[in-house]
Amino acid sequence: MLGVPLGILFVLIRRLPHEDYKKSFRSALKWGFWLSIFLVAVRVGTRNAVSRELLEGFATFITLLAEVIILSKLLNADEKFSKPLKISIAADVMTLFLYHGFELWLIPTGSVVAALGDYFTVEFLTKIVGFVTGAGFAFISSFMVYKAADALNQSRLKFVFVVIFAACMIRQIIFLIQVLMARNVLSGEMWMDLMAPIINNSSLLIFVIFAAILVLPITLFSQPKPERLPSYNPAQYRKILAQAIHKRRWGAGVVIALLLMTTTSSAGSYVANKQAEIVPAVPVTAEAGSVDVDLEVIKDGHLHRFVYRASSGEMVRYIVILKGGSAYGVGLDACEICGATGYYERDNQVICKLCDVQMNKATIGTRGGCNPIPIEYTIADGKLKVPQSELEKSAKIFQ
């Protein structure tokens, strides 16, 4: 999602006559890289100083605007230098890296924080090795796409460029609509019928990108055989043919990478969705300033989710799980790192839905890492009681 569009964009920029475009691209790449790392550090270090939803929504909006200008300018490129194109290239590269970089760095960061210093476990090492392997494979695949795109002639390169960017823009528009709906800028009732099936299957949107990438090798393989000019001797022409064949090998590499990406994405999605047991949130109400849940309902040791409608209208979710004996883990269905994405139960373990970090049940109810944000509660009269005021003040987290 990051390397492929940037690689194809850089191929097009390299063919333009002005060096300023390439300088702008490289400079924005550095700024996007370091800014994404800085914001992740701020997010983790201060917990609530950076709103992931607002940051990614803003970055996506800027990216979309920049991509529209880039498409209009590059497809009609001439020899004249265009300052709007230079600015749009910088904005697109930086915000694209900011969005995906922020998302990317949170994965290992969440694992490190959740490990609570216990870094020599099979689970932690598996997550880190998996992250490094996945990132390396993504880099290699993107490099193959870059080399295959570089082997295309200009007209075919522009065609592939439009297809790839259109696929990325569709995904970005869907995400932006989700953010606007969450912030009540767009009416939920009006948009929900249209967006519900898309949101429920949002993980499948990556296959739209895979399909767009497939256009690249197909276009490369369909390029006509190099023409033999009268000035070429047999040795020169054989060399030109050998170069053309060598370029097509990058296309074959892209096909292999696509097959591997599709297989791993499909298998990973199947396993994750098969194992995930999403517990529905049970509506609860307050009586005499307290939200009560009967202990008979929650004493089975499984994850239970409840939802309370605050006076401001927000649906405040919280979870309860029996940790052992008479000790309960009680917290919001949100954490200070990933926000209000929530948790689910898998193999009797509590898992963060966003970063797939496994919670230590003993630490649920304590602050820090990817743990649920703790809330006060008491046990009395056979009920678990949460103060209504505790849920009301937590409403802002679910805005």
Protein backbone atom coordinates (compact mmCIF):
# COMPACT_ATOMS: atom_id res chain seq x y z
CA MET A 1 0.00 0.00 0.00
CA LEU A 2 2.95 2.33 0.53
CA GLY A 3 5.79 1.03 -1.63
CA VAL A 4 3.85 0.23 -4.81
CA PRO A 5 2.30 3.66 -5.55
CA LEU A 6 5.46 5.49 -4.47
CA GLY A 7 7.63 3.25 -6.67
CA ILE A 8 5.51 3.80 -9.77
CA LEU A 9 5.26 7.54 -9.06
CA PHE A 10 9.07 7.76 -8.79
CA VAL A 11 9.50 6.01 -12.16
CA LEU A 12 7.31 8.67 -13.77
CA ILE A 13 9.11 11.51 -11.99
CA ARG A 14 12.54 10.22 -13.05
CA ARG A 15 11.50 10.57 -16.67
CA LEU A 16 10.58 14.23 -16.28
CA PRO A 17 13.25 16.75 -17.35
CA HIS A 18 13.33 18.76 -14.09
CA GLU A 19 15.54 17.63 -11.20
CA ASP A 20 13.41 19.56 -8.68
CA TYR A 21 10.68 16.90 -8.85
CA LYS A 22 13.10 14.15 -7.79
CA LYS A 23 14.55 16.33 -5.01
CA SER A 24 11.03 17.05 -3.77
CA PHE A 25 10.19 13.33 -3.78
CA ARG A 26 13.30 12.31 -1.83
CA SER A 27 12.96 15.14 0.69
CA ALA A 28 9.29 14.32 1.36
CA LEU A 29 10.18 10.64 1.79
CA LYS A 30 12.62 11.51 4.58
CA TRP A 31 10.17 13.88 6.26
CA GLY A 32 7.36 11.31 6.12
CA PHE A 33 9.59 8.59 7.55
CA TRP A 34 10.86 10.57 10.55
CA LEU A 35 7.55 12.32 11.21
CA SER A 36 5.69 9.01 11.37
CA ILE A 37 8.23 7.67 13.89
CA PHE A 38 8.02 10.89 15.93
CA LEU A 39 4.21 10.79 16.09
CA VAL A 40 4.19 7.14 17.15
CA ALA A 41 6.65 8.03 19.94
CA VAL A 42 4.39 10.93 21.01
CA ARG A 43 1.31 8.70 20.82
CA VAL A 44 2.84 5.98 23.00
CA GLY A 45 4.71 8.32 25.33
CA THR A 46 1.80 10.66 26.06
CA ARG A 47 -1.00 8.16 25.40
CA ASN A 48 -3.71 10.62 24.35
CA ALA A 49 -1.77 13.50 22.76
CA VAL A 50 -2.24 12.14 19.22
CA SER A 51 -5.65 11.04 17.96
CA ARG A 52 -4.98 8.26 15.47
CA GLU A 53 -8.35 8.70 13.78
CA LEU A 54 -7.91 12.46 13.24
CA LEU A 55 -4.27 12.14 12.18
CA GLU A 56 -4.96 9.43 9.61
CA GLY A 57 -8.11 11.20 8.41
CA PHE A 58 -6.20 14.46 7.86
CA ALA A 59 -3.33 12.64 6.12
CA THR A 60 -5.77 10.81 3.84
CA PHE A 61 -7.55 14.05 2.90
CA ILE A 62 -4.26 15.74 1.92
CA THR A 63 -3.14 12.61 0.05
CA LEU A 64 -6.35 12.56 -2.01
CA LEU A 65 -6.05 16.23 -2.96
CA ALA A 66 -2.40 15.75 -3.94
CA GLU A 67 -3.17 12.64 -6.00
CA VAL A 68 -5.87 14.43 -7.97
CA ILE A 69 -3.41 17.19 -8.90
CA ILE A 70 -0.65 14.69 -9.70
CA LEU A 71 -2.92 12.70 -12.00
CA SER A 72 -4.06 15.82 -13.85
CA LYS A 73 -0.53 17.22 -14.19
CA LEU A 74 1.53 14.11 -14.95
CA LEU A 75 -0.87 12.78 -17.57
CA ASN A 76 -0.53 16.07 -19.43
CA ALA A 77 3.12 16.71 -18.58
CA ASP A 78 5.11 19.04 -20.81
CA GLU A 79 8.59 20.51 -20.66
CA LYS A 80 7.55 23.46 -18.47
CA PHE A 81 8.26 23.29 -14.74
CA SER A 82 5.08 23.13 -12.61
CA LYS A 83 5.25 24.34 -9.03
CA PRO A 84 1.80 22.89 -8.12
CA LEU A 85 3.04 19.50 -9.32
CA LYS A 86 6.19 19.78 -7.19
CA ILE A 87 4.17 20.71 -4.09
CA SER A 88 1.64 17.93 -4.76
CA ILE A 89 4.39 15.33 -5.13
CA ALA A 90 5.88 16.39 -1.79
CA ALA A 91 2.47 16.42 -0.06
CA ASP A 92 1.44 13.04 -1.48
CA VAL A 93 4.71 11.28 -0.60
CA MET A 94 4.88 12.73 2.91
CA THR A 95 1.24 12.12 3.91
CA LEU A 96 1.17 8.66 2.33
CA PHE A 97 4.24 7.71 4.35
CA LEU A 98 2.82 9.44 7.43
CA TYR A 99 -0.42 7.44 7.22
CA HIS A 100 1.06 4.02 6.50
CA GLY A 101 4.21 4.63 8.55
CA PHE A 102 2.18 5.55 11.63
CA GLU A 103 0.07 2.41 11.12
CA LEU A 104 3.18 0.30 10.51
CA TRP A 105 5.31 1.40 13.49
CA LEU A 106 2.44 0.89 15.94
CA ILE A 107 2.61 -2.88 15.34
CA PRO A 108 6.07 -3.56 16.85
CA THR A 109 5.63 -0.70 19.35
CA GLY A 110 2.40 -2.24 20.65
CA SER A 111 4.11 -5.62 20.99
CA VAL A 112 7.06 -4.11 22.90
CA VAL A 113 4.83 -2.14 25.26
CA ALA A 114 2.47 -5.08 25.86
CA ALA A 115 5.39 -7.40 26.67
CA LEU A 116 6.04 -5.33 29.84
CA GLY A 117 9.78 -6.05 29.71
CA ASP A 118 9.39 -9.80 29.18
CA TYR A 119 11.02 -9.91 25.75
CA PHE A 120 12.36 -13.46 25.73
CA THR A 121 9.11 -15.30 25.11
CA VAL A 122 8.10 -17.32 22.05
CA GLU A 123 5.04 -15.10 21.51
CA PHE A 124 6.97 -11.82 21.55
CA LEU A 125 9.80 -13.09 19.35
CA THR A 126 7.30 -14.60 16.90
CA LYS A 127 5.52 -11.24 16.54
CA ILE A 128 8.76 -9.33 15.99
CA VAL A 129 10.18 -11.86 13.52
CA GLY A 130 6.83 -11.88 11.73
CA PHE A 131 6.81 -8.07 11.50
CA VAL A 132 10.40 -7.89 10.18
CA THR A 133 9.74 -10.69 7.67
CA GLY A 134 6.53 -9.08 6.45
CA ALA A 135 8.15 -5.66 6.12
CA GLY A 136 11.09 -7.17 4.22
CA PHE A 137 8.81 -9.07 1.86
CA ALA A 138 6.77 -5.91 1.24
CA PHE A 139 9.97 -4.00 0.40
CA ILE A 140 11.19 -6.67 -2.03
CA SER A 141 7.77 -6.89 -3.72
CA SER A 142 7.58 -3.11 -4.08
CA PHE A 143 11.09 -3.06 -5.57
CA MET A 144 10.01 -5.65 -8.14
CA VAL A 145 7.01 -3.50 -9.04
CA TYR A 146 9.32 -0.48 -9.39
CA LYS A 147 11.70 -2.33 -11.74
CA ALA A 148 8.83 -3.76 -13.80
CA ALA A 149 7.27 -0.30 -14.13
CA ASP A 150 10.64 1.13 -15.18
CA ALA A 151 10.68 -1.37 -18.08
CA LEU A 152 7.43 0.00 -19.55
CA ASN A 153 7.27 2.56 -22.31
CA GLN A 154 5.79 5.95 -21.39
CA SER A 155 2.22 5.42 -22.60
CA ARG A 156 1.89 2.05 -20.87
CA LEU A 157 3.50 3.39 -17.70
CA LYS A 158 0.87 6.15 -17.54
CA PHE A 159 -1.90 3.57 -17.92
CA VAL A 160 -0.56 1.44 -15.05
CA PHE A 161 -0.01 4.60 -12.98
CA VAL A 162 -3.68 5.59 -13.35
CA VAL A 163 -4.94 2.09 -12.46
CA ILE A 164 -2.77 1.79 -9.34
CA PHE A 165 -3.54 5.29 -8.10
CA ALA A 166 -7.27 4.87 -8.78
CA ALA A 167 -7.29 1.68 -6.66
CA CYS A 168 -5.46 3.48 -3.83
CA MET A 169 -7.81 6.46 -4.03
CA ILE A 170 -10.89 4.21 -3.77
CA ARG A 171 -9.51 2.76 -0.54
CA GLN A 172 -8.64 6.23 0.77
CA ILE A 173 -12.09 7.63 -0.03
CA ILE A 174 -13.76 4.75 1.84
CA PHE A 175 -11.57 5.36 4.89
CA LEU A 176 -12.26 9.11 4.80
CA ILE A 177 -16.02 8.48 4.68
CA GLN A 178 -15.68 6.20 7.72
CA VAL A 179 -13.90 8.94 9.67
CA LEU A 180 -16.51 11.54 8.69
CA MET A 181 -19.31 9.17 9.75
CA ALA A 182 -17.58 8.48 13.08
CA ARG A 183 -17.29 12.23 13.68
CA ASN A 184 -20.96 12.79 12.69
CA VAL A 185 -19.92 15.06 9.82
CA LEU A 186 -21.82 12.70 7.52
CA SER A 187 -25.19 11.36 8.60
CA GLY A 188 -24.83 7.79 9.82
CA GLU A 189 -28.41 6.93 8.86
CA MET A 190 -27.94 8.20 5.31
CA TRP A 191 -24.61 6.49 4.65
CA MET A 192 -24.86 3.32 6.73
CA ASP A 193 -26.82 1.22 4.20
CA LEU A 194 -24.21 2.01 1.55
CA MET A 195 -21.13 1.74 3.74
CA ALA A 196 -22.03 -1.15 6.07
CA PRO A 197 -21.16 -3.97 3.61
CA ILE A 198 -17.98 -2.14 2.55
CA ILE A 199 -16.87 -1.55 6.15
CA ASN A 200 -17.66 -5.14 7.14
CA ASN A 201 -15.46 -6.38 4.29
CA SER A 202 -12.82 -3.63 4.46
CA SER A 203 -10.04 -6.19 4.92
CA LEU A 204 -10.76 -7.41 1.38
CA LEU A 205 -9.87 -4.00 -0.12
CA ILE A 206 -6.22 -5.02 -0.22
CA PHE A 207 -7.19 -7.44 -2.99
CA VAL A 208 -8.32 -4.45 -5.07
CA ILE A 209 -4.71 -3.24 -4.89
CA PHE A 210 -3.44 -6.73 -5.79
CA ALA A 211 -5.72 -6.76 -8.85
CA ALA A 212 -4.44 -3.34 -9.89
CA ILE A 213 -0.82 -4.48 -9.52
CA LEU A 214 -1.55 -7.44 -11.81
CA VAL A 215 -2.14 -4.94 -14.61
CA LEU A 216 1.59 -4.13 -14.48
CA PRO A 217 3.04 -7.51 -15.60
CA ILE A 218 0.20 -7.99 -18.06
CA THR A 219 1.01 -4.63 -19.64
CA LEU A 220 4.73 -5.41 -19.60
CA PHE A 221 4.31 -8.81 -21.27
CA SER A 222 2.05 -7.33 -23.94
CA GLN A 223 4.61 -4.73 -25.03
CA PRO A 224 5.55 -5.23 -28.69
CA LYS A 225 8.87 -6.81 -29.61
CA PRO A 226 11.62 -4.16 -30.06
CA GLU A 227 11.73 -2.94 -33.65
CA ARG A 228 14.85 -3.74 -35.65
CA LEU A 229 16.13 -0.54 -37.25
CA PRO A 230 18.14 -0.68 -40.49
CA SER A 231 21.20 0.68 -38.65
CA TYR A 232 21.30 -2.31 -36.27
CA ASN A 233 23.67 -5.15 -36.98
CA PRO A 234 22.66 -8.69 -35.79
CA ALA A 235 24.76 -8.44 -32.62
CA GLN A 236 23.22 -5.09 -31.63
CA TYR A 237 19.69 -6.36 -32.20
CA ARG A 238 20.34 -9.54 -30.18
CA LYS A 239 21.54 -7.35 -27.32
CA ILE A 240 18.35 -5.25 -27.50
CA LEU A 241 16.22 -8.41 -27.48
CA ALA A 242 18.16 -9.76 -24.48
CA GLN A 243 17.52 -6.51 -22.59
CA ALA A 244 13.80 -6.73 -23.37
CA ILE A 245 13.69 -10.34 -22.10
CA HIS A 246 15.57 -9.30 -18.95
CA LYS A 247 13.02 -6.55 -18.28
CA ARG A 248 10.17 -9.04 -18.59
CA ARG A 249 11.70 -11.09 -15.80
CA TRP A 250 10.78 -8.31 -13.38
CA GLY A 251 7.19 -8.81 -14.52
CA ALA A 252 7.47 -12.52 -13.71
CA GLY A 253 8.84 -11.57 -10.28
CA VAL A 254 5.80 -9.34 -9.69
CA VAL A 255 3.46 -12.23 -10.56
CA ILE A 256 5.26 -14.53 -8.10
CA ALA A 257 5.16 -11.84 -5.40
CA LEU A 258 1.43 -11.30 -6.04
CA LEU A 259 0.74 -15.02 -5.70
CA LEU A 260 2.64 -15.12 -2.39
CA MET A 261 0.93 -11.95 -1.08
CA THR A 262 -2.53 -13.21 -2.07
CA THR A 263 -1.89 -16.61 -0.48
CA THR A 264 -0.53 -15.24 2.80
CA SER A 265 -3.22 -12.54 3.04
CA SER A 266 -6.01 -15.04 2.37
CA ALA A 267 -4.64 -17.65 4.77
CA GLY A 268 -3.92 -15.09 7.47
CA SER A 269 -7.36 -13.53 7.17
CA TYR A 270 -9.05 -16.94 7.29
CA VAL A 271 -7.16 -18.06 10.40
CA ALA A 272 -7.70 -14.75 12.22
CA ASN A 273 -11.40 -14.59 11.44
CA LYS A 274 -11.90 -18.26 12.24
CA GLN A 275 -10.31 -17.96 15.65
CA ALA A 276 -11.82 -14.61 16.59
CA GLU A 277 -14.91 -14.82 18.76
CA ILE A 278 -16.49 -11.38 18.80
CA VAL A 279 -18.70 -11.13 21.88
CA PRO A 280 -21.68 -8.82 21.28
CA ALA A 281 -21.97 -5.83 23.60
CA VAL A 282 -24.93 -6.14 25.95
CA PRO A 283 -26.82 -2.85 26.57
CA VAL A 284 -26.87 -1.75 30.21
CA THR A 285 -28.52 1.18 31.99
CA ALA A 286 -27.88 3.10 35.19
CA GLU A 287 -29.99 3.02 38.31
CA ALA A 288 -29.32 5.32 41.25
CA GLY A 289 -25.99 6.36 39.72
CA SER A 290 -24.69 2.82 39.23
CA VAL A 291 -24.50 0.42 36.28
CA ASP A 292 -24.90 -3.10 37.66
CA VAL A 293 -24.20 -6.53 36.16
CA ASP A 294 -25.19 -9.77 37.91
CA LEU A 295 -22.12 -11.84 38.85
CA GLU A 296 -23.87 -14.98 37.60
CA VAL A 297 -23.55 -13.56 34.07
CA ILE A 298 -19.81 -12.95 34.18
CA LYS A 299 -18.41 -15.72 36.40
CA ASP A 300 -17.67 -18.13 33.50
CA GLY A 301 -14.15 -16.74 32.90
CA HIS A 302 -14.93 -15.53 29.37
CA LEU A 303 -14.82 -11.99 27.99
CA HIS A 304 -18.05 -10.03 28.36
CA ARG A 305 -18.74 -6.70 26.66
CA PHE A 306 -21.31 -4.15 27.79
CA VAL A 307 -22.42 -0.86 26.29
CA TYR A 308 -23.89 2.18 28.06
CA ARG A 309 -25.42 5.17 26.28
CA ALA A 310 -23.97 8.34 27.81
CA SER A 311 -26.02 11.48 28.26
CA SER A 312 -24.14 13.01 25.31
CA GLY A 313 -25.22 10.12 23.07
CA GLU A 314 -21.91 8.24 22.83
CA MET A 315 -22.04 4.46 23.19
CA VAL A 316 -19.50 3.72 25.93
CA ARG A 317 -18.30 0.10 25.81
CA TYR A 318 -16.56 -1.70 28.65
CA ILE A 319 -15.37 -5.27 29.21
CA VAL A 320 -15.42 -7.60 32.19
CA ILE A 321 -13.56 -10.88 32.67
CA LEU A 322 -13.05 -13.10 35.69
CA LYS A 323 -9.28 -13.30 36.26
CA GLY A 324 -9.44 -15.91 39.01
CA GLY A 325 -11.04 -16.40 42.39
CA SER A 326 -13.11 -13.29 43.04
CA ALA A 327 -10.86 -10.91 41.06
CA TYR A 328 -12.27 -9.29 37.94
CA GLY A 329 -10.59 -7.40 35.12
CA VAL A 330 -12.74 -4.37 34.28
CA GLY A 331 -11.86 -1.71 31.71
CA LEU A 332 -13.10 0.25 28.75
CA ASP A 333 -13.28 -1.51 25.38
CA ALA A 334 -10.43 0.79 24.35
CA CYS A 335 -6.75 1.28 25.10
CA GLU A 336 -4.43 4.28 25.30
CA ILE A 337 -2.35 3.15 22.30
CA CYS A 338 -4.90 1.91 19.76
CA GLY A 339 -7.95 3.89 20.84
CA ALA A 340 -11.53 2.59 20.86
CA THR A 341 -10.91 -0.37 18.55
CA GLY A 342 -11.77 -2.88 21.26
CA TYR A 343 -10.99 -6.47 22.21
CA TYR A 344 -12.16 -9.99 21.49
CA GLU A 345 -11.58 -13.47 22.89
CA ARG A 346 -9.42 -16.03 21.09
CA ASP A 347 -8.36 -19.34 22.59
CA ASN A 348 -9.41 -18.08 26.05
CA GLN A 349 -7.14 -15.06 25.66
CA VAL A 350 -8.10 -11.37 25.36
CA ILE A 351 -6.75 -9.90 22.10
CA CYS A 352 -6.57 -6.29 20.87
CA LYS A 353 -8.57 -6.10 17.64
CA LEU A 354 -6.22 -3.57 16.04
CA CYS A 355 -2.69 -4.83 16.72
CA ASP A 356 -3.47 -8.46 17.64
CA VAL A 357 -1.57 -8.15 20.94
CA GLN A 358 -2.52 -10.75 23.55
CA MET A 359 -3.40 -9.37 26.97
CA ASN A 360 -2.13 -10.87 30.19
CA LYS A 361 -5.39 -11.41 32.10
CA ALA A 362 -3.65 -10.59 35.37
CA THR A 363 -2.87 -7.07 34.11
CA ILE A 364 -6.41 -6.25 32.87
CA GLY A 365 -7.64 -3.50 35.14
CA THR A 366 -4.21 -1.85 35.41
CA ARG A 367 -3.08 1.05 33.30
CA GLY A 368 -0.39 0.82 30.61
CA GLY A 369 0.52 -0.75 27.28
CA CYS A 370 -2.29 -2.17 25.20
CA ASN A 371 -4.34 -3.00 28.31
CA PRO A 372 -7.96 -1.80 28.47
CA ILE A 373 -8.22 1.61 30.12
CA PRO A 374 -9.21 0.68 33.72
CA ILE A 375 -12.41 1.94 35.31
CA GLU A 376 -13.56 1.86 38.92
CA TYR A 377 -15.94 -0.84 40.12
CA THR A 378 -17.16 -2.49 43.31
CA ILE A 379 -18.65 -5.88 44.16
CA ALA A 380 -21.77 -5.81 46.33
CA ASP A 381 -25.08 -7.67 46.65
CA GLY A 382 -24.01 -10.26 44.07
CA LYS A 383 -23.41 -7.60 41.43
CA LEU A 384 -20.46 -5.87 39.76
CA LYS A 385 -21.17 -2.14 40.06
CA VAL A 386 -19.61 0.54 37.85
CA PRO A 387 -20.31 4.19 38.80
CA GLN A 388 -22.38 5.96 36.17
CA SER A 389 -20.08 8.98 36.49
CA GLU A 390 -17.11 6.77 35.50
CA LEU A 391 -18.77 5.86 32.19
CA GLU A 392 -19.99 9.40 31.55
CA LYS A 393 -16.49 10.86 31.83
CA SER A 394 -15.19 8.13 29.49
CA ALA A 395 -17.63 9.11 26.71
CA LYS A 396 -15.03 11.34 25.03
CA ILE A 397 -12.89 8.29 24.22
CA PHE A 398 -15.70 6.90 22.03
CA GLN A 399 -16.49 10.15 20.21
